[in-house]
Protein backbone atom coordinates (compact mmCIF):
# COMPACT_ATOMS: atom_id res chain seq x y z
CA MET A 1 -9.08 5.44 16.35
CA PRO A 2 -12.03 5.63 13.99
CA LEU A 3 -11.54 5.31 10.36
CA VAL A 4 -10.92 8.40 8.59
CA ARG A 5 -12.42 9.29 5.10
CA THR A 6 -10.07 9.28 2.26
CA GLY A 7 -11.65 12.35 0.78
CA ASP A 8 -10.81 14.25 4.12
CA LEU A 9 -7.21 13.02 4.04
CA VAL A 10 -6.86 14.06 0.38
CA THR A 11 -8.32 17.60 0.96
CA GLU A 12 -6.13 18.18 3.85
CA ALA A 13 -2.77 16.96 2.04
CA ARG A 14 -3.77 19.09 -1.06
CA ALA A 15 -4.38 22.32 1.11
CA GLN A 16 -0.96 21.81 2.69
CA GLY A 17 0.77 20.93 -0.42
CA THR A 18 1.83 17.64 0.67
CA GLY A 19 1.32 14.07 -0.78
CA LEU A 20 -0.87 11.41 0.79
CA ALA A 21 0.17 8.03 0.44
CA ALA A 22 -2.12 5.08 -0.17
CA PHE A 23 -0.69 1.50 0.16
CA ASN A 24 -2.30 -1.85 -1.29
CA VAL A 25 -3.25 -4.50 1.15
CA ILE A 26 -3.05 -8.01 0.01
CA THR A 27 -2.53 -9.97 3.31
CA LEU A 28 -3.23 -9.27 6.81
CA GLU A 29 0.54 -8.64 7.31
CA HIS A 30 0.27 -5.69 4.60
CA ALA A 31 -2.36 -4.15 6.63
CA GLU A 32 -0.37 -4.38 9.82
CA ALA A 33 2.65 -2.94 8.28
CA ILE A 34 0.87 0.12 6.94
CA ALA A 35 -0.57 0.77 10.23
CA ALA A 36 2.75 0.35 12.05
CA GLY A 37 4.60 2.41 9.38
CA ALA A 38 2.04 5.19 9.70
CA GLU A 39 2.28 5.31 13.41
CA ARG A 40 6.32 5.49 13.17
CA ALA A 41 6.13 8.29 10.56
CA GLY A 42 3.36 10.09 12.40
CA ARG A 43 1.50 10.40 9.27
CA PRO A 44 -1.92 9.48 7.85
CA ALA A 45 -2.22 6.95 5.11
CA VAL A 46 -4.81 5.08 3.07
CA LEU A 47 -5.20 1.24 3.14
CA GLN A 48 -6.56 0.17 -0.20
CA ILE A 49 -7.71 -3.26 -1.44
CA SER A 50 -7.98 -3.74 -5.16
CA GLU A 51 -10.19 -5.90 -7.18
CA ASN A 52 -7.39 -8.24 -8.05
CA ALA A 53 -6.80 -8.81 -4.17
CA VAL A 54 -10.61 -9.23 -3.55
CA LYS A 55 -10.28 -12.15 -6.32
CA PHE A 56 -7.35 -13.65 -4.68
CA HIS A 57 -9.36 -13.84 -1.38
CA GLY A 58 -12.57 -15.18 -2.93
CA GLY A 59 -14.63 -12.15 -1.76
CA LEU A 60 -14.24 -8.83 -0.21
CA THR A 61 -15.83 -9.42 3.50
CA ALA A 62 -12.91 -11.16 5.08
CA ILE A 63 -10.13 -9.06 3.96
CA ALA A 64 -12.02 -5.84 4.33
CA ALA A 65 -13.12 -6.81 7.89
CA ALA A 66 -9.55 -7.63 8.89
CA THR A 67 -8.02 -4.44 7.28
CA ALA A 68 -10.57 -2.20 8.96
CA ALA A 69 -10.01 -3.76 12.32
CA VAL A 70 -6.22 -3.19 11.97
CA ALA A 71 -6.92 0.38 10.92
CA ARG A 72 -9.40 1.06 13.92
CA ALA A 73 -6.61 -0.38 16.25
CA SER A 74 -3.97 1.97 15.13
CA ARG A 75 -3.05 5.39 16.61
CA ALA A 76 -2.42 6.73 13.17
CA PRO A 77 -5.28 8.34 11.03
CA LEU A 78 -6.23 5.80 8.31
CA ALA A 79 -8.56 5.49 5.66
CA LEU A 80 -10.08 2.46 3.69
CA HIS A 81 -10.04 2.53 -0.03
CA LEU A 82 -11.33 -0.10 -2.50
CA ASP A 83 -8.98 0.25 -5.61
CA HIS A 84 -9.36 -0.32 -9.33
CA VAL A 85 -12.90 -1.53 -9.35
CA GLU A 86 -14.26 -2.59 -12.61
CA SER A 87 -17.16 -4.53 -11.42
CA ALA A 88 -20.38 -2.93 -10.58
CA GLU A 89 -21.26 -5.48 -8.03
CA LEU A 90 -17.99 -4.90 -6.13
CA LEU A 91 -18.57 -0.98 -6.26
CA ARG A 92 -21.89 -1.52 -4.60
CA LEU A 93 -20.34 -3.68 -1.87
CA ALA A 94 -18.20 -0.76 -0.88
CA HIS A 95 -21.00 0.66 1.02
CA THR A 96 -22.00 -2.29 2.93
CA GLU A 97 -18.45 -3.25 3.90
CA GLY A 98 -17.54 0.12 5.31
CA PHE A 99 -15.38 1.85 2.63
CA GLY A 100 -15.15 5.46 2.39
CA SER A 101 -13.98 5.60 -1.10
CA VAL A 102 -13.64 3.77 -4.44
CA MET A 103 -11.41 4.07 -7.53
CA PHE A 104 -13.90 3.11 -10.19
CA ASP A 105 -11.80 2.00 -13.17
CA ALA A 106 -13.54 2.31 -16.62
CA SER A 107 -10.38 3.08 -18.29
CA LYS A 108 -10.51 0.12 -20.63
CA LEU A 109 -13.70 1.43 -22.08
CA GLU A 110 -14.05 3.74 -25.01
CA TYR A 111 -14.07 7.41 -23.91
CA GLY A 112 -17.89 7.97 -24.16
CA GLU A 113 -18.58 4.65 -22.30
CA ASN A 114 -16.03 5.45 -19.59
CA VAL A 115 -17.64 8.90 -19.09
CA LYS A 116 -21.21 7.21 -18.91
CA ALA A 117 -20.05 4.46 -16.56
CA THR A 118 -18.03 6.70 -14.24
CA ALA A 119 -20.85 9.35 -13.95
CA GLU A 120 -23.24 6.64 -12.96
CA ALA A 121 -20.62 5.48 -10.30
CA VAL A 122 -20.28 8.98 -9.04
CA ARG A 123 -24.04 9.34 -8.76
CA TRP A 124 -24.38 6.26 -6.90
CA GLY A 125 -21.46 7.28 -4.52
CA ARG A 126 -22.75 10.79 -3.85
CA GLN A 127 -25.82 9.25 -2.59
CA ARG A 128 -24.04 7.29 -0.12
CA GLY A 129 -21.25 9.59 0.88
CA ILE A 130 -18.64 7.54 -0.95
CA TRP A 131 -15.71 9.40 -2.54
CA ILE A 132 -15.06 8.25 -6.08
CA GLU A 133 -11.67 8.27 -7.84
CA ALA A 134 -11.60 7.56 -11.70
CA GLU A 135 -8.61 7.17 -14.21
CA LEU A 136 -8.07 8.82 -17.50
CA GLY A 137 -5.05 7.82 -19.78
CA LYS A 138 -3.33 4.55 -19.65
CA VAL A 139 -1.25 3.56 -16.71
CA GLY A 140 -0.06 0.20 -17.86
CA GLY A 141 1.26 -2.81 -15.97
CA LYS A 142 -1.70 -4.14 -14.23
CA ASP A 143 -2.30 -8.10 -13.93
CA GLY A 144 -3.53 -9.56 -17.05
CA GLU A 145 -2.65 -6.62 -19.43
CA PRO A 146 -0.18 -6.53 -22.30
CA PRO A 147 3.12 -4.61 -21.59
CA LEU A 148 2.60 -0.76 -22.16
CA ASP A 149 5.24 1.75 -22.86
CA ALA A 150 4.45 4.70 -20.47
CA HIS A 151 5.96 7.10 -22.96
CA ALA A 152 4.18 5.91 -26.17
CA PRO A 153 2.13 8.38 -28.07
CA GLY A 154 -1.49 8.70 -26.87
CA VAL A 155 -0.77 7.20 -23.61
CA ARG A 156 -0.54 10.25 -21.28
CA THR A 157 -3.41 12.20 -20.04
CA ASP A 158 -4.42 15.13 -21.96
CA PRO A 159 -5.18 18.08 -19.86
CA ALA A 160 -8.18 19.44 -22.03
CA GLU A 161 -9.79 16.03 -22.24
CA ALA A 162 -9.19 15.59 -18.51
CA ALA A 163 -11.06 18.80 -17.97
CA ALA A 164 -14.05 17.67 -20.03
CA TYR A 165 -13.81 14.30 -18.28
CA VAL A 166 -13.96 15.75 -14.84
CA ALA A 167 -16.82 18.13 -15.71
CA ASP A 168 -18.82 15.43 -17.33
CA THR A 169 -18.49 12.80 -14.50
CA SER A 170 -18.05 14.90 -11.44
CA VAL A 171 -15.30 12.73 -10.10
CA ASP A 172 -13.77 13.56 -6.81
CA ALA A 173 -10.28 12.84 -7.84
CA LEU A 174 -8.41 11.78 -11.07
CA ALA A 175 -5.68 9.25 -11.69
CA VAL A 176 -3.64 10.22 -14.56
CA ALA A 177 -1.08 8.95 -16.97
CA VAL A 178 2.07 10.82 -16.73
CA GLY A 179 5.17 8.36 -17.13
CA SER A 180 4.60 5.96 -14.38
CA SER A 181 3.43 2.15 -14.50
CA HIS A 182 1.97 -0.50 -12.34
CA ALA A 183 3.99 -3.53 -11.12
CA MET A 184 7.67 -1.83 -11.65
CA THR A 185 10.14 -3.48 -9.36
CA GLU A 186 12.92 -0.92 -10.24
CA ARG A 187 12.61 2.87 -9.49
CA THR A 188 13.55 4.10 -12.70
CA ALA A 189 10.19 5.71 -14.04
CA SER A 190 10.70 9.32 -15.31
CA LEU A 191 7.49 11.68 -14.77
CA ASP A 192 6.43 14.33 -16.98
CA HIS A 193 6.13 17.26 -14.43
CA THR A 194 5.21 19.84 -17.00
CA LEU A 195 2.11 17.64 -17.87
CA ILE A 196 1.52 17.17 -14.14
CA ALA A 197 1.22 20.93 -13.64
CA ALA A 198 -0.91 21.44 -16.65
CA LEU A 199 -3.37 18.79 -15.45
CA ARG A 200 -3.26 20.46 -12.05
CA ASP A 201 -4.35 23.70 -13.64
CA ALA A 202 -6.86 22.12 -16.03
CA VAL A 203 -8.93 20.13 -13.39
CA PRO A 204 -10.43 21.32 -10.05
CA VAL A 205 -9.89 17.95 -8.55
CA PRO A 206 -6.91 16.39 -6.82
CA LEU A 207 -4.59 14.36 -8.94
CA VAL A 208 -3.61 10.64 -8.26
CA LEU A 209 -0.31 9.02 -9.20
CA HIS A 210 -0.53 5.25 -9.83
CA GLY A 211 2.58 2.93 -10.07
CA SER A 212 4.65 5.12 -7.64
CA SER A 213 6.70 1.94 -6.65
CA GLY A 214 8.65 2.49 -9.71
CA VAL A 215 9.34 6.38 -9.29
CA PRO A 216 12.41 7.48 -7.59
CA ASP A 217 12.27 9.80 -4.47
CA THR A 218 13.26 12.97 -6.27
CA GLU A 219 10.68 12.32 -8.95
CA ILE A 220 7.76 11.79 -6.45
CA ARG A 221 8.84 14.99 -4.55
CA ALA A 222 8.85 16.92 -7.79
CA ALA A 223 5.42 15.43 -8.68
CA VAL A 224 3.82 16.46 -5.43
CA THR A 225 5.36 19.93 -5.96
CA ALA A 226 3.96 19.94 -9.48
CA GLY A 227 0.43 18.92 -8.27
CA MET A 228 0.07 15.18 -7.48
CA THR A 229 -1.71 14.60 -4.11
CA LYS A 230 -2.66 10.82 -3.72
CA ILE A 231 0.41 8.57 -4.11
CA ASN A 232 -0.38 4.92 -4.76
CA VAL A 233 2.21 2.39 -3.64
CA GLY A 234 1.70 -1.35 -4.00
CA THR A 235 4.61 -3.35 -5.62
CA ALA A 236 7.30 -1.83 -3.27
CA LEU A 237 5.63 -3.41 -0.42
CA ASN A 238 5.47 -6.88 -2.14
CA THR A 239 9.09 -6.36 -3.07
CA ALA A 240 9.97 -5.95 0.71
CA PHE A 241 7.79 -8.81 1.50
CA THR A 242 9.16 -11.33 -0.72
CA GLY A 243 12.79 -10.23 -0.32
CA ALA A 244 12.56 -10.70 3.45
CA VAL A 245 10.97 -14.10 3.09
CA ARG A 246 13.46 -15.34 0.36
CA ASP A 247 16.44 -14.19 2.49
CA PHE A 248 15.11 -15.65 5.56
CA LEU A 249 14.34 -19.36 3.97
CA THR A 250 17.77 -19.01 2.17
CA THR A 251 19.42 -18.63 5.56
CA ASP A 252 17.22 -21.26 7.33
CA PRO A 253 15.61 -23.45 4.65
CA HIS A 254 14.25 -25.99 7.29
CA THR A 255 12.04 -23.41 8.76
CA VAL A 256 8.30 -24.46 8.64
CA ASP A 257 6.76 -22.00 10.84
CA PRO A 258 5.51 -19.23 8.74
CA ARG A 259 5.30 -16.74 11.66
CA LYS A 260 8.99 -16.57 11.67
CA TYR A 261 9.46 -15.41 8.22
CA LEU A 262 6.10 -13.38 7.89
CA THR A 263 7.48 -11.40 11.02
CA ARG A 264 10.44 -10.55 8.96
CA ALA A 265 8.44 -9.87 5.92
CA ARG A 266 5.94 -7.42 8.03
CA GLU A 267 8.90 -5.64 9.46
CA ALA A 268 10.40 -5.20 6.06
CA MET A 269 7.13 -3.80 4.67
CA THR A 270 6.81 -1.39 7.74
CA THR A 271 10.26 -0.02 6.92
CA THR A 272 9.20 0.57 3.28
CA VAL A 273 5.89 2.28 4.40
CA THR A 274 7.79 4.60 6.85
CA GLU A 275 10.13 5.72 4.28
CA PHE A 276 7.42 6.53 1.72
CA LEU A 277 5.46 8.41 4.37
CA ASN A 278 8.67 10.42 5.47
CA LEU A 279 9.26 11.12 1.79
CA LEU A 280 6.04 12.86 1.41
């Protein structure tokens, strides 16, 4: 079916009080697994490509075209999102490559510069019908960043600051720091649900949870109840992928045809996607 806009899926999920899962795409197998998992669950989903994945592929065009083709061939409602974009050049490619939404990440900048850069990204997006997500607070764990304690003072998003930030930037959605962290391989994160509810009440836009791979099922459910809408999942797919490949090659170390172990990897990721979608 035709691509659906991320903003439309988020709006619908928010109105229904449910969560919308957004899964990171690194390889073609990731995209195929997300589409297959969405079909199994009978749920919509977002396929998102991060700036790090773009760097891995040496550019956006090929992985974007492949991901979009997989999404259009699926029977599930799927959206295409560009994630954690710091580069203004990459932001501008979103429109030409068919993305309906971008997470513009100016969180490394000082607050004033973050507001200025994000507001400009939003103005650019509005002119082209592109939905813009931003981040306030510090959700650590991204590639190339030093370790960050998700519970350290000053890390979590302040509701009053979030309200001012949304008013000054006019972003369409806000990723917030409430206790999760990127790249967690164990589901041990503990979220601040009181803070989530306070942020929900403080800002008029949907909230986004990054680092959901490290959050237990009960915590994710409670987070959605408290006010989270878009739930980002990345590392859980990589864990499933790598585990399946490792198990296959341990059992059959002489295999050289990648299709054999990539089939297992894709199926493992499909199962993971289905489980997250059913959870939401």
